[in-house]
């Protein structure tokens, strides 16, 4: 049995940015504590993943021809 690939309607970079923004906005409403720190950590991870995605898709990283 083979799984069909999932086709995303929005690019990964946009989904990562939205996740980071949502987590930061939610963290602003919370008092200092574990849940707030976890949301801020998720935001940082999403931003880092976004930067890595940009780096991997940069034109300077093409294989030699």
PDB file of N, CA and C in Angstrom:
ATOM      1  N   UNK A   1       0.842  -1.177   0.000  1.00  0.00           N
ATOM      2  CA  UNK A   1       0.000   0.000   0.000  1.00  0.00           C
ATOM      3  C   UNK A   1       0.893   1.248   0.000  1.00  0.00           C
ATOM      4  N   UNK A   2       0.669   2.142  -0.936  1.00  0.00           N
ATOM      5  CA  UNK A   2       1.457   3.355  -1.021  1.00  0.00           C
ATOM      6  C   UNK A   2       0.631   4.550  -0.555  1.00  0.00           C
ATOM      7  N   UNK A   3       1.334   5.474   0.087  1.00  0.00           N
ATOM      8  CA  UNK A   3       0.676   6.709   0.512  1.00  0.00           C
ATOM      9  C   UNK A   3       0.795   7.744  -0.589  1.00  0.00           C
ATOM     10  N   UNK A   4      -0.259   8.485  -0.790  1.00  0.00           N
ATOM     11  CA  UNK A   4      -0.201   9.567  -1.765  1.00  0.00           C
ATOM     12  C   UNK A   4       0.433  10.786  -1.114  1.00  0.00           C
ATOM     13  N   UNK A   5       1.229  11.521  -1.860  1.00  0.00           N
ATOM     14  CA  UNK A   5       1.837  12.725  -1.292  1.00  0.00           C
ATOM     15  C   UNK A   5       0.775  13.785  -1.009  1.00  0.00           C
ATOM     16  N   UNK A   6       0.996  14.525   0.059  1.00  0.00           N
ATOM     17  CA  UNK A   6       0.079  15.601   0.431  1.00  0.00           C
ATOM     18  C   UNK A   6       0.476  16.857  -0.328  1.00  0.00           C
ATOM     19  N   UNK A   7      -0.483  17.466  -0.987  1.00  0.00           N
ATOM     20  CA  UNK A   7      -0.213  18.705  -1.699  1.00  0.00           C
ATOM     21  C   UNK A   7      -0.664  19.865  -0.819  1.00  0.00           C
ATOM     22  N   UNK A   8       0.280  20.705  -0.433  1.00  0.00           N
ATOM     23  CA  UNK A   8      -0.009  21.837   0.428  1.00  0.00           C
ATOM     24  C   UNK A   8      -0.496  23.010  -0.411  1.00  0.00           C
ATOM     25  N   UNK A   9      -1.464  23.753   0.128  1.00  0.00           N
ATOM     26  CA  UNK A   9      -1.994  24.893  -0.608  1.00  0.00           C
ATOM     27  C   UNK A   9      -1.125  26.139  -0.433  1.00  0.00           C
ATOM     28  N   UNK A  10      -0.335  26.175   0.653  1.00  0.00           N
ATOM     29  CA  UNK A  10       0.560  27.317   0.870  1.00  0.00           C
ATOM     30  C   UNK A  10       1.991  26.816   0.997  1.00  0.00           C
ATOM     31  N   UNK A  11       2.952  27.619   0.578  1.00  0.00           N
ATOM     32  CA  UNK A  11       4.356  27.201   0.667  1.00  0.00           C
ATOM     33  C   UNK A  11       4.815  27.022   2.119  1.00  0.00           C
ATOM     34  N   UNK A  12       5.809  26.193   2.288  1.00  0.00           N
ATOM     35  CA  UNK A  12       6.349  25.913   3.619  1.00  0.00           C
ATOM     36  C   UNK A  12       6.786  27.189   4.328  1.00  0.00           C
ATOM     37  N   UNK A  13       7.448  28.074   3.625  1.00  0.00           N
ATOM     38  CA  UNK A  13       7.960  29.300   4.234  1.00  0.00           C
ATOM     39  C   UNK A  13       6.818  30.133   4.822  1.00  0.00           C
ATOM     40  N   UNK A  14       5.671  30.168   4.128  1.00  0.00           N
ATOM     41  CA  UNK A  14       4.514  30.914   4.630  1.00  0.00           C
ATOM     42  C   UNK A  14       3.897  30.239   5.847  1.00  0.00           C
ATOM     43  N   UNK A  15       3.832  28.907   5.817  1.00  0.00           N
ATOM     44  CA  UNK A  15       3.276  28.182   6.969  1.00  0.00           C
ATOM     45  C   UNK A  15       4.153  28.352   8.197  1.00  0.00           C
ATOM     46  N   UNK A  16       5.471  28.351   8.007  1.00  0.00           N
ATOM     47  CA  UNK A  16       6.385  28.542   9.130  1.00  0.00           C
ATOM     48  C   UNK A  16       6.246  29.948   9.712  1.00  0.00           C
ATOM     49  N   UNK A  17       6.139  30.946   8.842  1.00  0.00           N
ATOM     50  CA  UNK A  17       5.972  32.324   9.306  1.00  0.00           C
ATOM     51  C   UNK A  17       4.665  32.475  10.073  1.00  0.00           C
ATOM     52  N   UNK A  18       3.602  31.865   9.578  1.00  0.00           N
ATOM     53  CA  UNK A  18       2.308  31.955  10.257  1.00  0.00           C
ATOM     54  C   UNK A  18       2.359  31.269  11.619  1.00  0.00           C
ATOM     55  N   UNK A  19       3.027  30.131  11.702  1.00  0.00           N
ATOM     56  CA  UNK A  19       3.172  29.423  12.975  1.00  0.00           C
ATOM     57  C   UNK A  19       3.931  30.288  13.979  1.00  0.00           C
ATOM     58  N   UNK A  20       5.005  30.920  13.529  1.00  0.00           N
ATOM     59  CA  UNK A  20       5.791  31.782  14.417  1.00  0.00           C
ATOM     60  C   UNK A  20       4.959  32.965  14.900  1.00  0.00           C
ATOM     61  N   UNK A  21       4.229  33.597  13.987  1.00  0.00           N
ATOM     62  CA  UNK A  21       3.397  34.740  14.371  1.00  0.00           C
ATOM     63  C   UNK A  21       2.298  34.337  15.339  1.00  0.00           C
ATOM     64  N   UNK A  22       1.628  33.232  15.063  1.00  0.00           N
ATOM     65  CA  UNK A  22       0.555  32.760  15.941  1.00  0.00           C
ATOM     66  C   UNK A  22       1.079  32.450  17.337  1.00  0.00           C
ATOM     67  N   UNK A  23       2.229  31.782  17.399  1.00  0.00           N
ATOM     68  CA  UNK A  23       2.802  31.420  18.697  1.00  0.00           C
ATOM     69  C   UNK A  23       3.195  32.668  19.484  1.00  0.00           C
ATOM     70  N   UNK A  24       3.798  33.638  18.823  1.00  0.00           N
ATOM     71  CA  UNK A  24       4.183  34.882  19.510  1.00  0.00           C
ATOM     72  C   UNK A  24       2.959  35.646  20.011  1.00  0.00           C
ATOM     73  N   UNK A  25       1.915  35.732  19.190  1.00  0.00           N
ATOM     74  CA  UNK A  25       0.699  36.435  19.603  1.00  0.00           C
ATOM     75  C   UNK A  25       0.050  35.746  20.806  1.00  0.00           C
ATOM     76  N   UNK A  26       0.010  34.424  20.772  1.00  0.00           N
ATOM     77  CA  UNK A  26      -0.577  33.670  21.892  1.00  0.00           C
ATOM     78  C   UNK A  26       0.274  33.849  23.152  1.00  0.00           C
ATOM     79  N   UNK A  27       1.595  33.863  22.997  1.00  0.00           N
ATOM     80  CA  UNK A  27       2.495  34.014  24.141  1.00  0.00           C
ATOM     81  C   UNK A  27       2.328  35.387  24.787  1.00  0.00           C
ATOM     82  N   UNK A  28       1.998  36.409  23.994  1.00  0.00           N
ATOM     83  CA  UNK A  28       1.801  37.752  24.544  1.00  0.00           C
ATOM     84  C   UNK A  28       0.643  37.811  25.534  1.00  0.00           C
ATOM     85  N   UNK A  29      -0.329  36.922  25.355  1.00  0.00           N
ATOM     86  CA  UNK A  29      -1.509  36.946  26.217  1.00  0.00           C
ATOM     87  C   UNK A  29      -1.315  36.169  27.516  1.00  0.00           C
ATOM     88  N   UNK A  30      -0.227  35.419  27.604  1.00  0.00           N
ATOM     89  CA  UNK A  30      -0.008  34.565  28.772  1.00  0.00           C
ATOM     90  C   UNK A  30       0.949  35.205  29.770  1.00  0.00           C
ATOM     91  N   UNK A  31       0.793  34.804  31.003  1.00  0.00           N
ATOM     92  CA  UNK A  31       1.726  35.220  32.037  1.00  0.00           C
ATOM     93  C   UNK A  31       2.979  34.363  31.941  1.00  0.00           C
ATOM     94  N   UNK A  32       4.103  34.841  32.480  1.00  0.00           N
ATOM     95  CA  UNK A  32       5.326  34.032  32.445  1.00  0.00           C
ATOM     96  C   UNK A  32       5.083  32.643  33.043  1.00  0.00           C
ATOM     97  N   UNK A  33       5.579  31.654  32.350  1.00  0.00           N
ATOM     98  CA  UNK A  33       5.410  30.283  32.801  1.00  0.00           C
ATOM     99  C   UNK A  33       5.803  29.306  31.708  1.00  0.00           C
ATOM    100  N   UNK A  34       5.524  28.042  31.980  1.00  0.00           N
ATOM    101  CA  UNK A  34       5.953  26.973  31.083  1.00  0.00           C
ATOM    102  C   UNK A  34       5.275  27.059  29.714  1.00  0.00           C
ATOM    103  N   UNK A  35       3.974  27.280  29.679  1.00  0.00           N
ATOM    104  CA  UNK A  35       3.256  27.322  28.403  1.00  0.00           C
ATOM    105  C   UNK A  35       3.748  28.479  27.531  1.00  0.00           C
ATOM    106  N   UNK A  36       3.987  29.639  28.158  1.00  0.00           N
ATOM    107  CA  UNK A  36       4.483  30.800  27.419  1.00  0.00           C
ATOM    108  C   UNK A  36       5.869  30.521  26.844  1.00  0.00           C
ATOM    109  N   UNK A  37       6.737  29.921  27.643  1.00  0.00           N
ATOM    110  CA  UNK A  37       8.081  29.600  27.173  1.00  0.00           C
ATOM    111  C   UNK A  37       8.047  28.591  26.032  1.00  0.00           C
ATOM    112  N   UNK A  38       7.131  27.633  26.096  1.00  0.00           N
ATOM    113  CA  UNK A  38       7.014  26.649  25.023  1.00  0.00           C
ATOM    114  C   UNK A  38       6.545  27.306  23.725  1.00  0.00           C
ATOM    115  N   UNK A  39       5.629  28.266  23.828  1.00  0.00           N
ATOM    116  CA  UNK A  39       5.172  28.978  22.640  1.00  0.00           C
ATOM    117  C   UNK A  39       6.283  29.821  22.033  1.00  0.00           C
ATOM    118  N   UNK A  40       7.061  30.484  22.870  1.00  0.00           N
ATOM    119  CA  UNK A  40       8.176  31.279  22.369  1.00  0.00           C
ATOM    120  C   UNK A  40       9.239  30.384  21.729  1.00  0.00           C
ATOM    121  N   UNK A  41       9.432  29.208  22.298  1.00  0.00           N
ATOM    122  CA  UNK A  41      10.378  28.240  21.732  1.00  0.00           C
ATOM    123  C   UNK A  41       9.896  27.766  20.357  1.00  0.00           C
ATOM    124  N   UNK A  42       8.589  27.506  20.235  1.00  0.00           N
ATOM    125  CA  UNK A  42       8.009  27.107  18.956  1.00  0.00           C
ATOM    126  C   UNK A  42       8.192  28.214  17.916  1.00  0.00           C
ATOM    127  N   UNK A  43       8.008  29.457  18.329  1.00  0.00           N
ATOM    128  CA  UNK A  43       8.189  30.585  17.412  1.00  0.00           C
ATOM    129  C   UNK A  43       9.638  30.657  16.931  1.00  0.00           C
ATOM    130  N   UNK A  44      10.580  30.500  17.838  1.00  0.00           N
ATOM    131  CA  UNK A  44      12.002  30.535  17.457  1.00  0.00           C
ATOM    132  C   UNK A  44      12.346  29.381  16.525  1.00  0.00           C
ATOM    133  N   UNK A  45      11.816  28.196  16.815  1.00  0.00           N
ATOM    134  CA  UNK A  45      12.088  27.036  15.963  1.00  0.00           C
ATOM    135  C   UNK A  45      11.515  27.232  14.558  1.00  0.00           C
ATOM    136  N   UNK A  46      10.335  27.805  14.483  1.00  0.00           N
ATOM    137  CA  UNK A  46       9.714  28.052  13.186  1.00  0.00           C
ATOM    138  C   UNK A  46      10.511  29.073  12.386  1.00  0.00           C
ATOM    139  N   UNK A  47      10.999  30.110  13.056  1.00  0.00           N
ATOM    140  CA  UNK A  47      11.816  31.110  12.375  1.00  0.00           C
ATOM    141  C   UNK A  47      13.138  30.512  11.907  1.00  0.00           C
ATOM    142  N   UNK A  48      13.730  29.668  12.725  1.00  0.00           N
ATOM    143  CA  UNK A  48      14.984  29.010  12.339  1.00  0.00           C
ATOM    144  C   UNK A  48      14.755  28.099  11.139  1.00  0.00           C
ATOM    145  N   UNK A  49      13.671  27.344  11.167  1.00  0.00           N
ATOM    146  CA  UNK A  49      13.352  26.462  10.042  1.00  0.00           C
ATOM    147  C   UNK A  49      13.129  27.278   8.770  1.00  0.00           C
ATOM    148  N   UNK A  50      12.515  28.436   8.902  1.00  0.00           N
ATOM    149  CA  UNK A  50      12.295  29.313   7.763  1.00  0.00           C
ATOM    150  C   UNK A  50      13.619  29.797   7.174  1.00  0.00           C
ATOM    151  N   UNK A  51      14.556  30.169   8.038  1.00  0.00           N
ATOM    152  CA  UNK A  51      15.870  30.608   7.577  1.00  0.00           C
ATOM    153  C   UNK A  51      16.623  29.464   6.894  1.00  0.00           C
ATOM    154  N   UNK A  52      16.509  28.274   7.433  1.00  0.00           N
ATOM    155  CA  UNK A  52      17.168  27.109   6.828  1.00  0.00           C
ATOM    156  C   UNK A  52      16.550  26.815   5.460  1.00  0.00           C
ATOM    157  N   UNK A  53      15.229  26.917   5.368  1.00  0.00           N
ATOM    158  CA  UNK A  53      14.544  26.706   4.094  1.00  0.00           C
ATOM    159  C   UNK A  53      15.022  27.723   3.058  1.00  0.00           C
ATOM    160  N   UNK A  54      15.153  28.978   3.446  1.00  0.00           N
ATOM    161  CA  UNK A  54      15.685  30.002   2.539  1.00  0.00           C
ATOM    162  C   UNK A  54      17.093  29.647   2.087  1.00  0.00           C
ATOM    163  N   UNK A  55      17.910  29.236   3.027  1.00  0.00           N
ATOM    164  CA  UNK A  55      19.295  28.893   2.725  1.00  0.00           C
ATOM    165  C   UNK A  55      19.380  27.710   1.767  1.00  0.00           C
ATOM    166  N   UNK A  56      18.569  26.689   2.028  1.00  0.00           N
ATOM    167  CA  UNK A  56      18.594  25.505   1.165  1.00  0.00           C
ATOM    168  C   UNK A  56      18.101  25.800  -0.246  1.00  0.00           C
ATOM    169  N   UNK A  57      17.204  26.750  -0.371  1.00  0.00           N
ATOM    170  CA  UNK A  57      16.663  27.087  -1.686  1.00  0.00           C
ATOM    171  C   UNK A  57      17.414  28.223  -2.376  1.00  0.00           C
ATOM    172  N   UNK A  58      18.493  28.687  -1.778  1.00  0.00           N
ATOM    173  CA  UNK A  58      19.248  29.783  -2.382  1.00  0.00           C
ATOM    174  C   UNK A  58      19.963  29.292  -3.650  1.00  0.00           C
ATOM    175  N   UNK A  59      20.162  30.183  -4.603  1.00  0.00           N
ATOM    176  CA  UNK A  59      20.792  29.772  -5.857  1.00  0.00           C
ATOM    177  C   UNK A  59      22.256  29.369  -5.698  1.00  0.00           C
ATOM    178  N   UNK A  60      22.888  29.731  -4.602  1.00  0.00           N
ATOM    179  CA  UNK A  60      24.279  29.390  -4.401  1.00  0.00           C
ATOM    180  C   UNK A  60      24.512  27.932  -4.016  1.00  0.00           C
ATOM    181  N   UNK A  61      23.466  27.194  -3.768  1.00  0.00           N
ATOM    182  CA  UNK A  61      23.598  25.797  -3.335  1.00  0.00           C
ATOM    183  C   UNK A  61      23.183  24.785  -4.402  1.00  0.00           C
ATOM    184  N   UNK A  62      23.354  25.123  -5.649  1.00  0.00           N
ATOM    185  CA  UNK A  62      23.027  24.197  -6.720  1.00  0.00           C
ATOM    186  C   UNK A  62      24.176  23.229  -6.964  1.00  0.00           C
ATOM    187  N   UNK A  63      23.861  21.978  -7.281  1.00  0.00           N
ATOM    188  CA  UNK A  63      24.928  21.008  -7.551  1.00  0.00           C
ATOM    189  C   UNK A  63      25.686  21.382  -8.828  1.00  0.00           C
ATOM    190  N   UNK A  64      26.937  20.975  -8.940  1.00  0.00           N
ATOM    191  CA  UNK A  64      27.703  21.290 -10.149  1.00  0.00           C
ATOM    192  C   UNK A  64      27.139  20.559 -11.353  1.00  0.00           C
ATOM    193  N   UNK A  65      27.313  21.176 -12.521  1.00  0.00           N
ATOM    194  CA  UNK A  65      26.784  20.556 -13.766  1.00  0.00           C
ATOM    195  C   UNK A  65      27.893  19.984 -14.582  1.00  0.00           C
TER     196      UNK A  65
END
